[in-house]
Amino acid sequence: MALVRRFVVAEDSMRPALEPGDGLLAVPLRRPRKGKICVVRQPGSTDFWLVKRITAVPGEVVEVEGRHWRVGDDQVFVLSDNREVTNADSRLYGPLPSDDAYRVVLRIPKPLMMR
């Protein structure tokens, strides 16, 4: 796992916190914390990543839209900030593995990325 990874936001699911085209610098997710933004691999994909907010950590039980999930060891439950535009988060996939996830440490706004 790389010590620092660079990602670019591709869609609207994290608006208003993140905008399409924003750059992100991220480090391996060691201790998941609720409220932090992370990047997790989309299930079934080797090269597509999801940028989401951690809403539950290992050992917690979460209820969203009438469904219950228990977050296991080495998992996180993540949701989009802008949930109306997509359900491609833990509402669709359930808790996701945290062992190959990254914590966002720096946002580079799109205008700065364009320079």
Protein backbone atom coordinates (compact mmCIF):
# COMPACT_ATOMS: atom_id res chain seq x y z
CA MET A 1 0.00 0.00 0.00
CA ALA A 2 1.37 3.39 -0.99
CA LEU A 3 2.21 5.84 1.78
CA VAL A 4 0.47 8.71 -0.03
CA ARG A 5 -2.01 8.44 -2.89
CA ARG A 6 -3.47 11.11 -5.12
CA PHE A 7 -7.11 10.94 -6.20
CA VAL A 8 -9.37 13.22 -8.22
CA VAL A 9 -13.05 13.62 -7.36
CA ALA A 10 -15.08 12.49 -10.39
CA GLU A 11 -18.69 13.10 -9.41
CA ASP A 12 -21.16 14.96 -7.18
CA SER A 13 -21.70 12.51 -4.31
CA MET A 14 -19.68 14.49 -1.75
CA ARG A 15 -20.98 17.99 -2.53
CA PRO A 16 -20.70 20.51 -0.97
CA ALA A 17 -17.56 19.27 0.87
CA LEU A 18 -15.89 18.11 -2.34
CA GLU A 19 -16.47 19.21 -5.93
CA PRO A 20 -15.83 17.26 -9.14
CA GLY A 21 -12.26 17.94 -10.23
CA ASP A 22 -10.93 18.51 -6.70
CA GLY A 23 -7.67 16.74 -6.00
CA LEU A 24 -7.17 14.68 -2.85
CA LEU A 25 -4.06 13.53 -1.06
CA ALA A 26 -4.68 10.50 1.13
CA VAL A 27 -2.74 8.22 3.46
CA PRO A 28 -3.53 4.65 4.50
CA LEU A 29 -6.52 4.43 6.84
CA ARG A 30 -5.10 3.17 10.12
CA ARG A 31 -7.74 4.10 12.71
CA PRO A 32 -11.12 4.87 11.15
CA ARG A 33 -12.94 7.79 12.77
CA LYS A 34 -16.52 8.80 12.23
CA GLY A 35 -16.95 11.98 10.21
CA LYS A 36 -13.67 11.66 8.31
CA ILE A 37 -13.58 11.42 4.52
CA CYS A 38 -11.98 8.31 3.11
CA VAL A 39 -11.35 6.62 -0.21
CA VAL A 40 -12.34 2.96 -0.50
CA ARG A 41 -12.12 0.55 -3.40
CA GLN A 42 -15.47 -0.06 -5.08
CA PRO A 43 -16.47 -3.69 -4.57
CA GLY A 44 -15.87 -5.77 -7.67
CA SER A 45 -13.47 -3.23 -9.19
CA THR A 46 -9.70 -3.16 -9.19
CA ASP A 47 -9.27 0.44 -10.28
CA PHE A 48 -12.38 2.42 -9.27
CA TRP A 49 -12.46 4.17 -5.93
CA LEU A 50 -15.28 5.72 -3.90
CA VAL A 51 -14.82 8.94 -1.92
CA LYS A 52 -17.17 8.83 1.08
CA ARG A 53 -17.62 9.88 4.71
CA ILE A 54 -17.15 7.34 7.52
CA THR A 55 -20.38 7.04 9.50
CA ALA A 56 -19.70 3.88 11.53
CA VAL A 57 -16.55 2.04 12.65
CA PRO A 58 -15.80 -1.56 13.73
CA GLY A 59 -18.12 -2.90 16.40
CA GLU A 60 -20.95 -0.49 15.72
CA VAL A 61 -24.41 -1.29 14.45
CA VAL A 62 -25.92 1.20 12.03
CA GLU A 63 -29.44 1.61 10.71
CA VAL A 64 -30.01 3.45 7.44
CA GLU A 65 -33.25 3.52 5.49
CA GLY A 66 -34.73 0.76 7.64
CA ARG A 67 -31.83 -1.68 7.20
CA HIS A 68 -29.37 -2.72 9.90
CA TRP A 69 -25.69 -3.56 9.46
CA ARG A 70 -23.03 -4.57 11.95
CA VAL A 71 -19.60 -3.18 11.10
CA GLY A 72 -17.04 -5.92 11.50
CA ASP A 73 -13.34 -5.80 12.26
CA ASP A 74 -11.39 -4.12 9.45
CA GLN A 75 -14.55 -2.56 7.99
CA VAL A 76 -16.11 0.89 7.77
CA PHE A 77 -19.62 2.03 6.94
CA VAL A 78 -19.49 4.97 4.53
CA LEU A 79 -22.10 7.29 3.08
CA SER A 80 -22.19 10.01 0.46
CA ASP A 81 -22.79 13.55 1.72
CA ASN A 82 -25.10 14.19 -1.24
CA ARG A 83 -27.19 11.02 -0.95
CA GLU A 84 -29.83 12.10 -3.45
CA VAL A 85 -27.47 11.72 -6.44
CA THR A 86 -26.18 8.21 -5.74
CA ASN A 87 -26.54 5.17 -3.53
CA ALA A 88 -23.06 3.85 -4.40
CA ASP A 89 -21.98 3.66 -0.78
CA SER A 90 -22.64 1.33 2.15
CA ARG A 91 -26.39 1.55 1.51
CA LEU A 92 -25.68 -0.53 -1.61
CA TYR A 93 -22.53 -2.46 -0.65
CA GLY A 94 -22.84 -2.75 3.14
CA PRO A 95 -19.75 -2.24 5.33
CA LEU A 96 -16.57 -2.01 3.23
CA PRO A 97 -13.03 -3.26 3.94
CA SER A 98 -10.81 -0.69 5.59
CA ASP A 99 -7.52 -2.54 5.07
CA ASP A 100 -7.15 -1.14 1.53
CA ALA A 101 -8.69 2.28 2.27
CA TYR A 102 -7.20 5.76 2.52
CA ARG A 103 -7.92 8.77 4.75
CA VAL A 104 -8.10 12.10 2.96
CA VAL A 105 -5.63 14.54 4.50
CA LEU A 106 -5.66 17.37 1.94
CA ARG A 107 -8.16 18.74 -0.56
CA ILE A 108 -6.79 20.65 -3.54
CA PRO A 109 -9.65 22.68 -5.03
CA LYS A 110 -10.24 22.26 -8.76
CA PRO A 111 -9.07 25.79 -9.69
CA LEU A 112 -5.67 25.05 -8.14
CA MET A 113 -5.53 21.67 -9.90
CA MET A 114 -5.96 23.42 -13.27
CA ARG A 115 -2.80 25.54 -12.90
